[in-house]
Amino acid sequence: MEVKEESEVKEESEELMEVKEESEELSEVKVESEELSEVKEESEELSEVKEETEELSEVKEESEELTFLKERRAKKSFTCTQCGKSYTTKHKLEIHMRIHTGEKPFSCDQCSKTFPSTSVLKTHLTVYTKEKPHLCSVCGKSFSLLLYLHKHKKIHIGVREYMCFECEKTFTRANSLKLHQRIHTGEKPYKCSHCDKRFSQSAHLKTHEMIHTGEQPYKCSHCDKRFSQPSHMKRHERIHTGEKPYKCSQCDKRFSLLGNLKTHEMIHTGEQPYKCSHCDKRFSHSAHLKTHERIHTGEQPYMCSHCDKRFSRSADLKTHERIHTGEQPYKCSHCDKRFSHSANLKTHERIHTGEQPYKCSHCDKRFSHSAHLKTHERIHTGEKPYKCSHCDKRFSLPSYLKRHEMIHTGEKPHTCEQCGTSFSIKSRLNLHMKIHAVEKPLKRSLRSRC
């Protein structure tokens, strides 16, 4: 009985020990749980502090930005009363005000042109000084202004960030896009103050108004000739310098004008995009088509200021007027002969050089002049583009047509000074004059006999 009691007491003691151990473990878990709770609270407090710090930093940045803007506004204390634009200095405002007043106090000593500021005058003077200090590192092209160089460089790097939404054409400059879009809109905001003509660009208006004013501010550095545009002066000066910057990619021929190069290259490509609306003839250049169509229409818009003679081409008028003025600006480099037209000089110099660059495509014959080749090839093609206005007869040359039409009109412009007989052709007058040349010695011999 006693053994049983002892055994029960032992078991109860062991159970009490297990309960005590479990109680201790629970206490430890509770302590750990409290510690974790404290850590969590500390972490939350740190996050709140971090957020508050970030908010304070943002407030500080905003405060600094506002201070900067206030200071910037304070600096721009000089405001234009006309348009509200602000400037940091009084001098800058004074220069700006000249836009509104139209004041141009700075004058060019080379021409009569005036400018609102010295910087604009300095830019203008580069036309005369030819100074181009800003060089492109890619192609070697030089520019008078750094701004022009930066714009040019976009060609090499392929930056064309401005796109037209009408035709998807891209541009390197925003202003170029703006001007281009006027093609689609038809906008012409610039009106001539002398006539009703309107323009899409201010530069075009300025050039046009010089027709009315007669202003020619740009003078050639080699002769006394003056021009309304610097590009025209530059082009003219190449006559004196002999500069030909444009080289054909197909052959070694060089040109002083880009337009002439483009026209020449069509000889190699055979391209003739411009077709006559009166006949099937095609041309590589729009100007050539326009000139050709005047054969059909008879239009002669250019009249001589010295006589009543009219011309279908401005170049022909210019050449003709040199008959009145006696001007012969083109001198042969081989002899002292001078010419009123550059083409005549070029043709003449081939007498010295023996050059015959124009070869017939039908035979081996060569010519020193393109017009002679053209006339010759009509023998092979049978082409007769010049039609008589009185009958259906056609001719290969305009001179043949003119001579033929005299049959219809009865015109006889060539008159003999000896007897007053008139002829339609000069060669017939020359033949007739031989009769008088024979008559004179006969009369003398008869008198001597008497």
Protein backbone atom coordinates (compact mmCIF):
# COMPACT_ATOMS: atom_id res chain seq x y z
CA MET A 1 0.00 0.00 0.00
CA GLU A 2 2.83 2.32 0.93
CA VAL A 3 4.72 1.43 -2.27
CA LYS A 4 1.67 2.40 -4.29
CA GLU A 5 1.37 5.76 -2.55
CA GLU A 6 5.06 6.49 -3.12
CA SER A 7 4.65 5.70 -6.80
CA GLU A 8 1.65 8.04 -7.15
CA VAL A 9 3.51 10.82 -5.33
CA LYS A 10 6.43 10.40 -7.73
CA GLU A 11 4.19 10.64 -10.78
CA GLU A 12 2.46 13.76 -9.44
CA SER A 13 5.88 15.30 -8.79
CA GLU A 14 6.96 14.61 -12.37
CA GLU A 15 3.71 16.10 -13.72
CA LEU A 16 4.29 19.23 -11.64
CA MET A 17 7.79 19.53 -13.06
CA GLU A 18 6.46 19.29 -16.66
CA VAL A 19 3.82 21.96 -15.92
CA LYS A 20 6.54 24.20 -14.46
CA GLU A 21 8.73 23.74 -17.58
CA GLU A 22 5.82 24.52 -19.90
CA SER A 23 5.05 27.61 -17.84
CA GLU A 24 8.65 28.79 -18.18
CA GLU A 25 8.57 28.19 -21.97
CA LEU A 26 5.37 30.22 -22.28
CA SER A 27 7.01 33.02 -20.33
CA GLU A 28 9.97 33.01 -22.74
CA VAL A 29 7.63 33.07 -25.78
CA LYS A 30 5.76 35.98 -24.22
CA VAL A 31 9.01 37.88 -23.67
CA GLU A 32 10.10 37.22 -27.31
CA SER A 33 6.67 38.34 -28.56
CA GLU A 34 6.95 41.57 -26.57
CA GLU A 35 10.47 42.15 -27.97
CA LEU A 36 9.24 41.61 -31.56
CA SER A 37 6.39 44.02 -30.94
CA GLU A 38 8.85 46.65 -29.72
CA VAL A 39 11.07 46.14 -32.82
CA LYS A 40 8.04 46.48 -35.08
CA GLU A 41 7.03 49.71 -33.32
CA GLU A 42 10.59 51.08 -33.67
CA SER A 43 10.61 50.17 -37.40
CA GLU A 44 7.29 51.97 -37.93
CA GLU A 45 8.64 55.01 -36.09
CA LEU A 46 11.76 55.02 -38.33
CA SER A 47 9.59 54.84 -41.49
CA GLU A 48 7.55 57.78 -40.27
CA VAL A 49 10.73 59.75 -39.56
CA LYS A 50 12.06 58.89 -43.06
CA GLU A 51 8.80 60.04 -44.70
CA GLU A 52 8.85 63.27 -42.70
CA THR A 53 12.51 63.84 -43.76
CA GLU A 54 11.62 63.31 -47.45
CA GLU A 55 8.67 65.68 -47.15
CA LEU A 56 10.89 68.31 -45.54
CA SER A 57 13.46 67.83 -48.35
CA GLU A 58 10.78 68.34 -51.02
CA VAL A 59 9.52 71.45 -49.24
CA LYS A 60 13.10 72.74 -49.11
CA GLU A 61 13.62 72.11 -52.85
CA GLU A 62 10.34 73.85 -53.70
CA SER A 63 11.35 76.75 -51.50
CA GLU A 64 14.76 77.00 -53.24
CA GLU A 65 13.11 76.86 -56.70
CA LEU A 66 10.68 79.61 -55.76
CA THR A 67 13.55 81.69 -54.42
CA PHE A 68 15.46 81.19 -57.73
CA LEU A 69 12.42 82.19 -59.80
CA LYS A 70 11.84 85.23 -57.58
CA GLU A 71 15.49 86.24 -57.98
CA ARG A 72 15.29 85.69 -61.76
CA ARG A 73 12.13 87.76 -62.00
CA ALA A 74 13.73 90.41 -59.84
CA LYS A 75 16.73 90.53 -62.20
CA LYS A 76 14.41 91.02 -65.24
CA SER A 77 13.16 94.30 -63.97
CA PHE A 78 13.20 96.11 -67.36
CA THR A 79 9.89 95.47 -69.14
CA CYS A 80 8.80 96.56 -72.62
CA THR A 81 5.68 98.77 -72.47
CA GLN A 82 4.64 97.67 -75.99
CA CYS A 83 4.64 93.84 -75.73
CA GLY A 84 5.40 93.07 -72.05
CA LYS A 85 8.73 91.30 -72.70
CA SER A 86 11.25 91.59 -69.82
CA TYR A 87 15.04 92.04 -69.88
CA THR A 88 17.83 91.89 -67.30
CA THR A 89 19.49 95.13 -68.42
CA LYS A 90 18.30 98.52 -69.61
CA HIS A 91 20.60 98.27 -72.67
CA LYS A 92 18.91 95.05 -73.87
CA LEU A 93 15.49 96.68 -73.45
CA GLU A 94 16.66 99.71 -75.49
CA ILE A 95 17.81 97.44 -78.36
CA HIS A 96 14.47 95.58 -78.21
CA MET A 97 12.46 98.84 -78.31
CA ARG A 98 13.98 99.59 -81.73
CA ILE A 99 11.81 96.78 -83.14
CA HIS A 100 8.74 98.86 -82.23
CA THR A 101 10.16 102.30 -83.09
CA GLY A 102 11.90 101.19 -86.30
CA GLU A 103 15.08 103.02 -85.25
CA LYS A 104 18.26 101.84 -87.04
CA PRO A 105 21.17 104.00 -85.82
CA PHE A 106 24.04 101.83 -87.14
CA SER A 107 24.96 102.33 -90.80
CA CYS A 108 27.13 100.18 -93.11
CA ASP A 109 30.12 102.11 -94.52
CA GLN A 110 30.04 99.95 -97.69
CA CYS A 111 26.40 100.58 -98.61
CA SER A 112 23.51 102.72 -97.37
CA LYS A 113 21.90 99.95 -95.32
CA THR A 114 21.13 100.65 -91.61
CA PHE A 115 20.73 98.29 -88.62
CA PRO A 116 19.21 98.36 -85.10
CA SER A 117 22.32 96.97 -83.34
CA THR A 118 26.09 96.62 -83.79
CA SER A 119 25.86 92.81 -83.73
CA VAL A 120 23.48 92.79 -86.72
CA LEU A 121 25.74 95.29 -88.54
CA LYS A 122 28.75 93.06 -87.83
CA THR A 123 26.91 90.07 -89.35
CA HIS A 124 26.03 92.15 -92.43
CA LEU A 125 29.67 93.26 -92.93
CA THR A 126 30.77 89.63 -93.43
CA VAL A 127 29.18 89.93 -96.91
CA TYR A 128 32.00 92.35 -97.82
CA THR A 129 34.84 91.01 -95.69
CA LYS A 130 34.09 87.39 -96.79
CA GLU A 131 35.08 86.41 -93.22
CA LYS A 132 33.90 82.89 -92.32
CA PRO A 133 35.70 81.84 -89.12
CA HIS A 134 33.39 78.95 -88.19
CA LEU A 135 34.51 75.73 -89.93
CA CYS A 136 32.56 72.44 -90.19
CA SER A 137 34.77 69.57 -88.95
CA VAL A 138 32.96 67.05 -91.19
CA CYS A 139 32.98 68.64 -94.68
CA GLY A 140 35.20 71.73 -94.25
CA LYS A 141 32.46 74.23 -95.15
CA SER A 142 32.91 77.59 -93.41
CA PHE A 143 30.28 79.99 -92.04
CA SER A 144 30.18 83.63 -90.98
CA LEU A 145 28.07 82.85 -87.89
CA LEU A 146 28.30 80.08 -85.30
CA LEU A 147 24.50 79.73 -85.47
CA TYR A 148 24.74 78.87 -89.19
CA LEU A 149 27.40 76.23 -88.43
CA HIS A 150 25.18 74.56 -85.79
CA LYS A 151 22.27 74.46 -88.23
CA HIS A 152 24.52 73.04 -90.96
CA LYS A 153 25.87 70.25 -88.71
CA LYS A 154 22.36 68.79 -88.43
CA ILE A 155 22.69 67.75 -92.10
CA HIS A 156 25.61 65.44 -91.21
CA ILE A 157 24.12 63.92 -88.05
CA GLY A 158 20.76 63.41 -89.77
CA VAL A 159 18.71 65.28 -87.17
CA ARG A 160 15.36 66.14 -88.76
CA GLU A 161 13.16 66.55 -85.71
CA TYR A 162 10.40 68.69 -87.25
CA MET A 163 7.84 66.86 -89.41
CA CYS A 164 4.99 68.18 -91.54
CA PHE A 165 1.78 66.28 -90.75
CA GLU A 166 0.35 67.03 -94.20
CA CYS A 167 3.05 65.38 -96.35
CA GLU A 168 5.40 63.84 -93.71
CA LYS A 169 8.37 65.90 -94.95
CA THR A 170 10.97 66.45 -92.22
CA PHE A 171 13.09 69.50 -91.42
CA THR A 172 16.12 70.34 -89.28
CA ARG A 173 14.64 73.66 -88.12
CA ALA A 174 11.23 74.65 -86.72
CA ASN A 175 11.22 77.82 -88.84
CA SER A 176 11.79 75.76 -92.02
CA LEU A 177 8.76 73.64 -91.15
CA LYS A 178 6.66 76.75 -90.49
CA LEU A 179 7.57 78.21 -93.89
CA HIS A 180 6.93 74.86 -95.60
CA GLN A 181 3.44 74.51 -94.08
CA ARG A 182 2.40 77.71 -95.86
CA ILE A 183 2.55 75.71 -99.11
CA HIS A 184 -0.36 73.62 -97.79
CA THR A 185 -2.28 76.47 -96.14
CA GLY A 186 -1.65 79.01 -98.93
CA GLU A 187 -0.89 81.62 -96.25
CA LYS A 188 0.88 84.75 -97.53
CA PRO A 189 1.10 87.13 -94.56
CA TYR A 190 3.58 89.60 -96.08
CA LYS A 191 2.07 92.26 -98.39
CA CYS A 192 4.01 94.69 -100.57
CA SER A 193 3.55 98.33 -99.54
CA HIS A 194 3.80 99.44 -103.18
CA CYS A 195 1.47 96.92 -104.89
CA ASP A 196 -1.03 94.17 -103.96
CA LYS A 197 1.44 91.28 -104.28
CA ARG A 198 1.71 89.01 -101.22
CA PHE A 199 4.43 86.62 -100.06
CA SER A 200 4.80 83.64 -97.73
CA GLN A 201 8.27 84.76 -96.56
CA SER A 202 9.46 88.16 -95.35
CA ALA A 203 12.76 87.74 -97.25
CA HIS A 204 10.84 87.33 -100.53
CA LEU A 205 8.85 90.51 -99.80
CA LYS A 206 12.04 92.43 -99.04
CA THR A 207 13.63 91.30 -102.32
CA HIS A 208 10.46 92.16 -104.25
CA GLU A 209 10.19 95.68 -102.79
CA MET A 210 13.66 96.47 -104.16
CA ILE A 211 12.06 96.36 -107.63
CA HIS A 212 9.95 99.38 -106.59
CA THR A 213 12.67 101.22 -104.65
CA GLY A 214 15.51 100.40 -107.06
CA GLU A 215 17.74 99.68 -104.07
CA GLN A 216 20.97 97.79 -104.89
CA PRO A 217 23.05 97.78 -101.69
CA TYR A 218 25.54 95.08 -102.72
CA LYS A 219 28.49 96.22 -104.90
CA CYS A 220 30.90 93.93 -106.78
CA SER A 221 34.45 94.16 -105.38
CA HIS A 222 35.89 93.81 -108.91
CA CYS A 223 33.70 96.24 -110.90
CA ASP A 224 31.04 98.93 -110.30
CA LYS A 225 28.07 96.61 -110.78
CA ARG A 226 25.52 96.60 -107.95
CA PHE A 227 22.93 94.02 -106.83
CA SER A 228 19.79 93.82 -104.71
CA GLN A 229 20.78 90.47 -103.19
CA PRO A 230 24.13 89.19 -101.81
CA SER A 231 23.65 85.83 -103.56
CA HIS A 232 23.37 87.62 -106.94
CA MET A 233 26.57 89.55 -106.19
CA LYS A 234 28.39 86.35 -105.18
CA ARG A 235 27.25 84.64 -108.38
CA HIS A 236 28.39 87.62 -110.48
CA GLU A 237 31.83 87.77 -108.83
CA ARG A 238 32.55 84.26 -110.10
CA ILE A 239 32.80 85.81 -113.61
CA HIS A 240 35.84 87.75 -112.36
CA THR A 241 37.37 85.03 -110.15
CA GLY A 242 36.61 82.11 -112.48
CA GLU A 243 35.45 80.09 -109.47
CA LYS A 244 33.45 76.95 -110.35
CA PRO A 245 32.62 75.19 -107.07
CA TYR A 246 30.08 72.71 -108.47
CA LYS A 247 31.58 69.55 -110.07
CA CYS A 248 29.68 66.95 -112.10
CA SER A 249 29.63 63.50 -110.47
CA GLN A 250 29.71 61.81 -113.91
CA CYS A 251 32.50 63.79 -115.60
CA ASP A 252 35.14 66.42 -114.71
CA LYS A 253 33.07 69.40 -115.85
CA ARG A 254 32.66 72.19 -113.28
CA PHE A 255 30.07 74.98 -112.94
CA SER A 256 29.77 78.33 -111.21
CA LEU A 257 26.04 77.77 -110.50
CA LEU A 258 24.32 74.82 -108.84
CA GLY A 259 21.37 75.11 -111.24
CA ASN A 260 23.70 74.76 -114.23
CA LEU A 261 25.25 71.62 -112.69
CA LYS A 262 21.81 70.04 -112.15
CA THR A 263 20.81 70.84 -115.74
CA HIS A 264 24.12 69.42 -117.04
CA GLU A 265 23.78 66.16 -115.06
CA MET A 266 20.50 65.49 -116.86
CA ILE A 267 22.60 65.03 -120.04
CA HIS A 268 24.10 61.94 -118.37
CA THR A 269 20.83 60.67 -116.89
CA GLY A 270 18.73 61.57 -119.97
CA GLU A 271 16.03 62.95 -117.69
CA GLN A 272 13.60 65.40 -119.34
CA PRO A 273 10.67 65.85 -116.94
CA TYR A 274 9.19 69.02 -118.55
CA LYS A 275 6.93 68.53 -121.62
CA CYS A 276 5.68 71.28 -123.94
CA SER A 277 1.87 71.71 -123.87
CA HIS A 278 1.88 72.65 -127.59
CA CYS A 279 4.15 69.93 -129.03
CA ASP A 280 5.88 66.71 -127.90
CA LYS A 281 9.20 68.35 -127.10
CA ARG A 282 10.61 67.68 -123.64
CA PHE A 283 13.13 69.59 -121.52
CA SER A 284 15.44 68.93 -118.60
CA HIS A 285 14.78 72.35 -117.07
CA SER A 286 11.50 74.22 -116.41
CA ALA A 287 13.04 77.54 -117.55
CA HIS A 288 13.95 76.00 -120.92
CA LEU A 289 10.35 74.77 -121.34
CA LYS A 290 8.98 78.22 -120.50
CA THR A 291 11.32 79.86 -123.04
CA HIS A 292 10.44 77.25 -125.69
CA GLU A 293 6.67 77.70 -125.26
CA ARG A 294 7.07 81.37 -126.17
CA ILE A 295 7.87 80.17 -129.72
CA HIS A 296 4.28 78.87 -129.86
CA THR A 297 2.62 81.76 -127.99
CA GLY A 298 4.75 84.55 -129.50
CA GLU A 299 5.10 86.11 -126.05
CA GLN A 300 7.95 88.64 -125.70
CA PRO A 301 7.69 90.11 -122.19
CA TYR A 302 11.12 91.78 -122.09
CA MET A 303 11.37 95.22 -123.77
CA CYS A 304 14.54 97.22 -124.38
CA SER A 305 14.72 100.50 -122.41
CA HIS A 306 16.61 102.16 -125.30
CA CYS A 307 14.44 101.05 -128.25
CA ASP A 308 11.11 99.26 -128.83
CA LYS A 309 12.65 95.84 -129.46
CA ARG A 310 11.17 93.00 -127.39
CA PHE A 311 12.54 89.61 -126.36
CA SER A 312 11.24 86.28 -125.09
CA ARG A 313 14.18 85.86 -122.70
CA SER A 314 15.64 88.29 -120.14
CA ALA A 315 19.17 87.13 -121.03
CA ASP A 316 18.58 88.10 -124.69
CA LEU A 317 17.39 91.55 -123.60
CA LYS A 318 20.45 92.00 -121.40
CA THR A 319 22.77 91.01 -124.26
CA HIS A 320 20.89 93.30 -126.69
CA GLU A 321 21.09 96.34 -124.38
CA ARG A 322 24.89 96.07 -124.47
CA ILE A 323 24.63 97.16 -128.14
CA HIS A 324 23.33 100.51 -126.83
CA THR A 325 25.67 100.76 -123.82
CA GLY A 326 28.72 99.32 -125.60
CA GLU A 327 29.52 97.22 -122.52
CA GLN A 328 31.87 94.25 -123.18
CA PRO A 329 32.79 92.82 -119.77
CA TYR A 330 34.17 89.48 -121.00
CA LYS A 331 37.81 89.48 -122.24
CA CYS A 332 39.57 86.59 -124.00
CA SER A 333 42.51 85.14 -122.02
CA HIS A 334 44.41 84.40 -125.29
CA CYS A 335 43.94 87.70 -127.14
CA ASP A 336 42.61 91.24 -126.53
CA LYS A 337 39.15 90.56 -127.96
CA ARG A 338 36.22 91.43 -125.69
CA PHE A 339 32.61 90.24 -125.67
CA SER A 340 29.26 91.41 -124.36
CA HIS A 341 28.19 87.87 -123.43
CA SER A 342 30.07 85.12 -121.51
CA ALA A 343 28.80 82.42 -123.90
CA ASN A 344 30.32 84.29 -126.87
CA LEU A 345 33.66 84.49 -125.04
CA LYS A 346 33.56 80.77 -124.28
CA THR A 347 32.78 79.93 -127.93
CA HIS A 348 35.52 82.31 -129.14
CA GLU A 349 38.19 80.79 -126.85
CA ARG A 350 37.57 77.41 -128.49
CA ILE A 351 39.16 78.91 -131.65
CA HIS A 352 42.40 79.15 -129.64
CA THR A 353 42.06 75.81 -127.79
CA GLY A 354 40.51 73.84 -130.68
CA GLU A 355 38.03 72.30 -128.24
CA GLN A 356 34.94 70.64 -129.77
CA PRO A 357 33.06 69.12 -126.83
CA TYR A 358 29.75 68.50 -128.60
CA LYS A 359 29.58 65.25 -130.62
CA CYS A 360 26.72 64.23 -132.90
CA SER A 361 24.90 61.12 -131.65
CA HIS A 362 24.23 60.02 -135.25
CA CYS A 363 27.69 60.53 -136.80
CA ASP A 364 31.27 61.37 -135.74
CA LYS A 365 31.02 65.09 -136.42
CA ARG A 366 31.98 67.36 -133.52
CA PHE A 367 31.14 71.00 -132.72
CA SER A 368 32.48 73.79 -130.55
CA HIS A 369 28.97 75.10 -129.80
CA SER A 370 25.91 73.18 -128.53
CA ALA A 371 23.59 75.21 -130.78
CA HIS A 372 25.59 74.12 -133.86
CA LEU A 373 25.28 70.47 -132.78
CA LYS A 374 21.53 70.89 -132.24
CA THR A 375 21.11 72.43 -135.71
CA HIS A 376 23.24 69.70 -137.29
CA GLU A 377 21.31 66.84 -135.67
CA ARG A 378 18.11 68.08 -137.31
CA ILE A 379 19.64 66.88 -140.61
CA HIS A 380 19.49 63.34 -139.19
CA THR A 381 16.16 63.63 -137.35
CA GLY A 382 14.36 65.78 -139.93
CA GLU A 383 12.96 67.89 -137.10
CA LYS A 384 11.45 71.23 -138.12
CA PRO A 385 10.06 72.90 -135.00
CA TYR A 386 9.49 76.37 -136.49
CA LYS A 387 6.16 76.73 -138.33
CA CYS A 388 5.14 79.63 -140.54
CA SER A 389 2.21 81.66 -139.12
CA HIS A 390 0.90 82.28 -142.67
CA CYS A 391 1.14 78.77 -144.18
CA ASP A 392 1.91 75.17 -143.13
CA LYS A 393 5.58 75.27 -144.09
CA ARG A 394 8.03 74.30 -141.34
CA PHE A 395 11.73 75.06 -140.77
CA SER A 396 14.68 73.69 -138.80
CA LEU A 397 16.01 77.15 -137.90
CA PRO A 398 14.25 80.35 -136.71
CA SER A 399 16.33 82.40 -139.19
CA TYR A 400 14.94 80.29 -142.07
CA LEU A 401 11.41 80.86 -140.78
CA LYS A 402 11.98 84.63 -140.51
CA ARG A 403 13.38 84.80 -144.05
CA HIS A 404 10.44 82.76 -145.39
CA GLU A 405 7.78 84.90 -143.66
CA MET A 406 9.12 87.95 -145.52
CA ILE A 407 7.62 86.39 -148.68
CA HIS A 408 4.17 86.73 -147.04
CA THR A 409 4.74 90.16 -145.45
CA GLY A 410 6.66 91.63 -148.41
CA GLU A 411 9.27 93.00 -146.03
CA LYS A 412 12.62 93.95 -147.65
CA PRO A 413 14.87 95.39 -144.95
CA HIS A 414 18.13 95.36 -146.93
CA THR A 415 18.38 98.41 -149.27
CA CYS A 416 21.11 99.25 -151.82
CA GLU A 417 22.71 102.65 -151.13
CA GLN A 418 23.60 103.07 -154.82
CA CYS A 419 20.21 102.62 -156.51
CA GLY A 420 17.65 102.13 -153.72
CA THR A 421 16.70 98.56 -154.67
CA SER A 422 15.53 96.56 -151.60
CA PHE A 423 15.98 92.88 -150.78
CA SER A 424 14.55 90.49 -148.19
CA ILE A 425 17.89 88.69 -147.73
CA LYS A 426 21.24 90.35 -147.07
CA SER A 427 23.12 87.85 -149.26
CA ARG A 428 21.03 88.98 -152.26
CA LEU A 429 21.94 92.61 -151.53
CA ASN A 430 25.64 91.64 -151.42
CA LEU A 431 25.24 89.86 -154.78
CA HIS A 432 23.47 92.93 -156.21
CA MET A 433 26.28 95.26 -155.04
CA LYS A 434 28.71 93.41 -157.33
CA ILE A 435 26.77 94.85 -160.31
CA HIS A 436 27.68 98.37 -159.15
CA ALA A 437 31.27 97.28 -158.52
CA VAL A 438 31.52 96.16 -162.18
CA GLU A 439 29.70 99.28 -163.51
CA LYS A 440 32.20 101.75 -161.96
CA PRO A 441 35.35 100.55 -163.82
CA LEU A 442 33.33 100.30 -167.08
CA LYS A 443 32.22 103.94 -166.80
CA ARG A 444 35.80 105.02 -166.13
CA SER A 445 37.12 103.16 -169.21
CA LEU A 446 34.43 104.71 -171.45
CA ARG A 447 35.26 108.20 -170.20
CA SER A 448 38.99 107.66 -170.88
CA ARG A 449 38.22 106.60 -174.48
CA CYS A 450 36.21 109.76 -175.07
